[in-house]
Protein backbone atom coordinates (compact mmCIF):
# COMPACT_ATOMS: atom_id res chain seq x y z
CA VAL A 1 67.09 114.39 40.67
CA GLN A 2 69.31 112.90 38.00
CA LEU A 3 71.61 109.97 38.69
CA GLN A 4 74.72 108.89 36.84
CA ALA A 5 76.48 105.67 37.73
CA PHE A 6 79.98 104.49 36.93
CA GLY A 7 82.18 101.50 37.57
CA GLY A 8 80.53 98.39 36.22
CA GLY A 9 82.46 95.86 34.23
CA LEU A 10 83.75 92.32 33.94
CA VAL A 11 85.76 90.74 36.74
CA GLN A 12 86.81 87.26 37.76
CA ALA A 13 85.34 85.58 40.80
CA GLY A 14 87.11 86.76 43.92
CA GLY A 15 87.87 90.13 42.41
CA SER A 16 86.66 93.62 43.30
CA LEU A 17 84.79 96.45 41.69
CA ARG A 18 83.73 99.87 42.91
CA LEU A 19 80.53 101.48 41.74
CA SER A 20 79.94 105.21 41.98
CA CYS A 21 76.75 107.20 41.58
CA ALA A 22 76.46 110.96 41.48
CA ALA A 23 73.16 112.75 42.04
CA SER A 24 72.46 116.17 40.56
CA GLY A 25 69.50 118.52 40.48
CA SER A 26 67.32 118.94 43.57
CA THR A 27 69.51 116.99 45.96
CA SER A 28 68.74 118.86 49.19
CA GLY A 29 65.87 116.50 50.02
CA ILE A 30 67.85 113.28 49.70
CA TYR A 31 67.08 111.01 52.63
CA ARG A 32 68.55 107.75 51.43
CA MET A 33 70.84 106.54 48.64
CA GLY A 34 71.50 102.99 47.64
CA TRP A 35 72.03 100.24 45.15
CA TYR A 36 69.70 97.61 43.81
CA ARG A 37 70.39 94.90 41.26
CA GLN A 38 68.49 92.79 38.79
CA ALA A 39 69.78 89.54 37.36
CA PRO A 40 68.28 88.04 34.18
CA GLY A 41 64.92 86.47 34.89
CA LYS A 42 64.83 87.77 38.45
CA GLN A 43 63.19 90.64 40.25
CA ARG A 44 65.11 93.73 41.24
CA GLU A 45 66.49 93.35 44.75
CA LEU A 46 68.07 95.56 47.36
CA VAL A 47 71.84 95.40 47.66
CA ALA A 48 72.63 98.17 50.13
CA THR A 49 71.35 101.55 51.28
CA ILE A 50 72.68 104.39 53.37
CA THR A 51 70.67 107.19 54.94
CA SER A 52 71.61 110.84 55.29
CA GLY A 53 72.46 110.02 58.88
CA GLY A 54 74.85 107.28 57.84
CA ARG A 55 72.71 104.28 58.77
CA THR A 56 73.41 101.37 56.44
CA ASN A 57 71.41 98.33 55.40
CA TYR A 58 72.68 95.35 53.41
CA ALA A 59 71.19 92.30 51.78
CA ASP A 60 72.25 89.17 53.61
CA SER A 61 73.90 87.87 50.45
CA VAL A 62 76.42 90.74 50.37
CA LYS A 63 77.12 91.34 54.06
CA GLY A 64 80.81 91.22 54.80
CA ARG A 65 81.72 91.59 51.12
CA PHE A 66 80.17 94.87 50.01
CA THR A 67 80.49 98.29 51.64
CA ILE A 68 78.30 101.28 50.88
CA SER A 69 79.47 104.81 51.63
CA ARG A 70 78.71 108.41 50.76
CA GLY A 71 81.01 111.11 49.55
CA ASP A 72 81.75 114.26 51.50
CA ALA A 73 79.29 116.22 49.36
CA LYS A 74 76.54 113.76 50.36
CA ASN A 75 75.24 113.57 46.80
CA THR A 76 77.54 110.73 45.80
CA VAL A 77 77.26 107.11 46.84
CA TYR A 78 79.80 104.33 46.42
CA LEU A 79 79.56 100.57 46.53
CA GLN A 80 82.81 98.73 47.14
CA MET A 81 82.32 95.12 46.10
CA ASN A 82 84.92 92.59 47.22
CA SER A 83 85.09 88.80 46.95
CA LEU A 84 82.72 88.91 44.02
CA LYS A 85 80.84 85.77 43.07
CA PRO A 86 79.23 84.75 39.77
CA GLU A 87 75.84 85.13 41.45
CA ASP A 88 76.59 88.84 41.88
CA THR A 89 76.24 89.22 38.11
CA ALA A 90 73.44 91.68 37.44
CA VAL A 91 72.57 95.16 36.31
CA TYR A 92 73.14 97.43 39.28
CA TYR A 93 70.89 100.45 39.71
CA CYS A 94 71.59 103.51 41.79
CA ASN A 95 68.60 104.71 43.80
CA VAL A 96 67.83 107.91 45.64
CA TYR A 97 64.87 108.42 47.96
CA THR A 98 63.90 112.00 48.73
CA TRP A 99 61.63 113.32 51.44
CA VAL A 100 60.35 116.83 50.82
CA LEU A 101 57.22 118.48 52.25
CA GLN A 102 55.91 115.17 53.63
CA ASP A 103 56.22 113.50 50.26
CA GLY A 104 58.64 110.72 49.35
CA MET A 105 59.90 109.90 45.89
CA ASP A 106 62.25 107.35 44.37
CA TYR A 107 64.68 108.13 41.58
CA TRP A 108 66.62 105.56 39.57
CA GLY A 109 69.78 105.64 37.51
CA ALA A 110 70.07 103.88 34.17
CA GLY A 111 71.92 100.87 35.52
CA THR A 112 75.43 99.55 35.09
CA GLN A 113 76.31 95.96 34.21
CA VAL A 114 78.45 93.91 36.57
CA THR A 115 79.57 90.53 35.27
CA VAL A 116 81.53 88.09 37.43
CA SER A 117 83.10 85.17 35.62
CA SER A 118 83.83 81.86 37.33
C-alpha cells in the first residue's frame, strides 16, 4: 500500500486546514485509516482514526475541532482541522492498517507539515 498526503501548510491560530491522503496498491484489506502527528522533540501521537465500518477515534486534544472522514472510494481519508492552535504544529502522517489472512500491517505516508502561527 502506498500513501500520498496533501494539504499541509501554514495557517494562523483559529484557522482551518484540510488534509487528504490517498491509498493505492493493495487496498482491499484496509481495516483502518488515520492520522498521527509528531512535533519537534516529541513522540508520534494519534490524532484520529476511522475504521472501514466508520467508527472514529480522536485524541482528546482534538475532539470537537478535528473531523476525520473517508471518501466514497474508501481508499481516501480526510482530516478537517478547525480552530487550529499553535500546539497543533507538527508533521502529520497518514496511516493505514490492513488485515489480510489473519495478519495486520501498518503503512505510513511521508508526512506533511502543519504550522500554526500565534
